[in-house]
Amino acid sequence: MSYRIRLFGMRKTLKLRWIRLFEKTLYLCSY
């Protein structure tokens, strides 16, 4: 059970990291 929770959390943080990277690229491209 804890393994699934850990996997879910890892995927969540990965998604957040990708969203942050995407926002950063959009911010840089706006200039």
PDB file of N, CA and C in Angstrom:
ATOM      1  N   MET A   1       0.828  -1.203   0.000  1.00  0.00           N
ATOM      2  CA  MET A   1       0.000   0.000   0.000  1.00  0.00           C
ATOM      3  C   MET A   1       0.866   1.259   0.000  1.00  0.00           C
ATOM      4  N   SER A   2       1.855   1.279   0.868  1.00  0.00           N
ATOM      5  CA  SER A   2       2.743   2.449   0.946  1.00  0.00           C
ATOM      6  C   SER A   2       3.498   2.630  -0.371  1.00  0.00           C
ATOM      7  N   TYR A   3       3.750   1.495  -1.064  1.00  0.00           N
ATOM      8  CA  TYR A   3       4.457   1.555  -2.350  1.00  0.00           C
ATOM      9  C   TYR A   3       3.639   2.327  -3.370  1.00  0.00           C
ATOM     10  N   ARG A   4       2.335   2.073  -3.390  1.00  0.00           N
ATOM     11  CA  ARG A   4       1.450   2.766  -4.348  1.00  0.00           C
ATOM     12  C   ARG A   4       1.365   4.245  -4.032  1.00  0.00           C
ATOM     13  N   ILE A   5       1.293   4.574  -2.739  1.00  0.00           N
ATOM     14  CA  ILE A   5       1.214   5.982  -2.328  1.00  0.00           C
ATOM     15  C   ILE A   5       2.482   6.706  -2.741  1.00  0.00           C
ATOM     16  N   ARG A   6       3.626   6.037  -2.542  1.00  0.00           N
ATOM     17  CA  ARG A   6       4.911   6.644  -2.896  1.00  0.00           C
ATOM     18  C   ARG A   6       4.981   6.861  -4.402  1.00  0.00           C
ATOM     19  N   LEU A   7       4.508   5.895  -5.176  1.00  0.00           N
ATOM     20  CA  LEU A   7       4.534   5.997  -6.632  1.00  0.00           C
ATOM     21  C   LEU A   7       3.640   7.150  -7.092  1.00  0.00           C
ATOM     22  N   PHE A   8       2.466   7.277  -6.455  1.00  0.00           N
ATOM     23  CA  PHE A   8       1.527   8.337  -6.802  1.00  0.00           C
ATOM     24  C   PHE A   8       2.132   9.704  -6.500  1.00  0.00           C
ATOM     25  N   GLY A   9       2.786   9.817  -5.347  1.00  0.00           N
ATOM     26  CA  GLY A   9       3.424  11.074  -4.963  1.00  0.00           C
ATOM     27  C   GLY A   9       4.549  11.448  -5.909  1.00  0.00           C
ATOM     28  N   MET A  10       5.312  10.438  -6.328  1.00  0.00           N
ATOM     29  CA  MET A  10       6.433  10.686  -7.236  1.00  0.00           C
ATOM     30  C   MET A  10       5.911  11.203  -8.577  1.00  0.00           C
ATOM     31  N   ARG A  11       4.811  10.584  -9.037  1.00  0.00           N
ATOM     32  CA  ARG A  11       4.221  10.999 -10.311  1.00  0.00           C
ATOM     33  C   ARG A  11       3.663  12.416 -10.209  1.00  0.00           C
ATOM     34  N   LYS A  12       3.089  12.741  -9.055  1.00  0.00           N
ATOM     35  CA  LYS A  12       2.520  14.061  -8.833  1.00  0.00           C
ATOM     36  C   LYS A  12       3.597  15.135  -8.868  1.00  0.00           C
ATOM     37  N   THR A  13       4.711  14.871  -8.202  1.00  0.00           N
ATOM     38  CA  THR A  13       5.814  15.841  -8.169  1.00  0.00           C
ATOM     39  C   THR A  13       6.419  15.985  -9.556  1.00  0.00           C
ATOM     40  N   LEU A  14       6.482  14.887 -10.296  1.00  0.00           N
ATOM     41  CA  LEU A  14       7.028  14.930 -11.656  1.00  0.00           C
ATOM     42  C   LEU A  14       6.159  15.820 -12.540  1.00  0.00           C
ATOM     43  N   LYS A  15       4.839  15.654 -12.390  1.00  0.00           N
ATOM     44  CA  LYS A  15       3.913  16.450 -13.186  1.00  0.00           C
ATOM     45  C   LYS A  15       4.049  17.928 -12.855  1.00  0.00           C
ATOM     46  N   LEU A  16       4.179  18.234 -11.546  1.00  0.00           N
ATOM     47  CA  LEU A  16       4.337  19.623 -11.109  1.00  0.00           C
ATOM     48  C   LEU A  16       5.604  20.222 -11.682  1.00  0.00           C
ATOM     49  N   ARG A  17       6.679  19.403 -11.705  1.00  0.00           N
ATOM     50  CA  ARG A  17       7.963  19.876 -12.229  1.00  0.00           C
ATOM     51  C   ARG A  17       7.838  20.190 -13.717  1.00  0.00           C
ATOM     52  N   TRP A  18       7.121  19.347 -14.448  1.00  0.00           N
ATOM     53  CA  TRP A  18       6.945  19.565 -15.887  1.00  0.00           C
ATOM     54  C   TRP A  18       6.122  20.821 -16.156  1.00  0.00           C
ATOM     55  N   ILE A  19       5.080  21.027 -15.331  1.00  0.00           N
ATOM     56  CA  ILE A  19       4.232  22.216 -15.488  1.00  0.00           C
ATOM     57  C   ILE A  19       5.039  23.476 -15.232  1.00  0.00           C
ATOM     58  N   ARG A  20       5.897  23.419 -14.194  1.00  0.00           N
ATOM     59  CA  ARG A  20       6.735  24.574 -13.863  1.00  0.00           C
ATOM     60  C   ARG A  20       7.703  24.870 -14.998  1.00  0.00           C
ATOM     61  N   LEU A  21       8.267  23.819 -15.593  1.00  0.00           N
ATOM     62  CA  LEU A  21       9.211  23.985 -16.700  1.00  0.00           C
ATOM     63  C   LEU A  21       8.492  24.583 -17.915  1.00  0.00           C
ATOM     64  N   PHE A  22       7.269  24.104 -18.155  1.00  0.00           N
ATOM     65  CA  PHE A  22       6.470  24.604 -19.275  1.00  0.00           C
ATOM     66  C   PHE A  22       6.148  26.086 -19.098  1.00  0.00           C
ATOM     67  N   GLU A  23       5.775  26.467 -17.870  1.00  0.00           N
ATOM     68  CA  GLU A  23       5.466  27.869 -17.581  1.00  0.00           C
ATOM     69  C   GLU A  23       6.696  28.736 -17.776  1.00  0.00           C
ATOM     70  N   LYS A  24       7.868  28.202 -17.374  1.00  0.00           N
ATOM     71  CA  LYS A  24       9.113  28.961 -17.500  1.00  0.00           C
ATOM     72  C   LYS A  24       9.448  29.187 -18.972  1.00  0.00           C
ATOM     73  N   THR A  25       9.250  28.176 -19.807  1.00  0.00           N
ATOM     74  CA  THR A  25       9.542  28.310 -21.236  1.00  0.00           C
ATOM     75  C   THR A  25       8.575  29.294 -21.887  1.00  0.00           C
ATOM     76  N   LEU A  26       7.307  29.259 -21.470  1.00  0.00           N
ATOM     77  CA  LEU A  26       6.319  30.200 -22.008  1.00  0.00           C
ATOM     78  C   LEU A  26       6.690  31.617 -21.612  1.00  0.00           C
ATOM     79  N   TYR A  27       7.138  31.775 -20.367  1.00  0.00           N
ATOM     80  CA  TYR A  27       7.526  33.095 -19.862  1.00  0.00           C
ATOM     81  C   TYR A  27       8.713  33.653 -20.641  1.00  0.00           C
ATOM     82  N   LEU A  28       9.669  32.758 -20.947  1.00  0.00           N
ATOM     83  CA  LEU A  28      10.841  33.183 -21.708  1.00  0.00           C
ATOM     84  C   LEU A  28      10.482  33.490 -23.160  1.00  0.00           C
ATOM     85  N   CYS A  29       9.546  32.737 -23.710  1.00  0.00           N
ATOM     86  CA  CYS A  29       9.159  32.935 -25.110  1.00  0.00           C
ATOM     87  C   CYS A  29       8.314  34.190 -25.291  1.00  0.00           C
ATOM     88  N   SER A  30       7.666  34.635 -24.221  1.00  0.00           N
ATOM     89  CA  SER A  30       6.813  35.824 -24.324  1.00  0.00           C
ATOM     90  C   SER A  30       7.649  37.073 -24.575  1.00  0.00           C
ATOM     91  N   TYR A  31       8.910  37.022 -24.189  1.00  0.00           N
ATOM     92  CA  TYR A  31       9.775  38.181 -24.397  1.00  0.00           C
ATOM     93  C   TYR A  31      10.302  38.235 -25.827  1.00  0.00           C
TER      94      TYR A  31
END
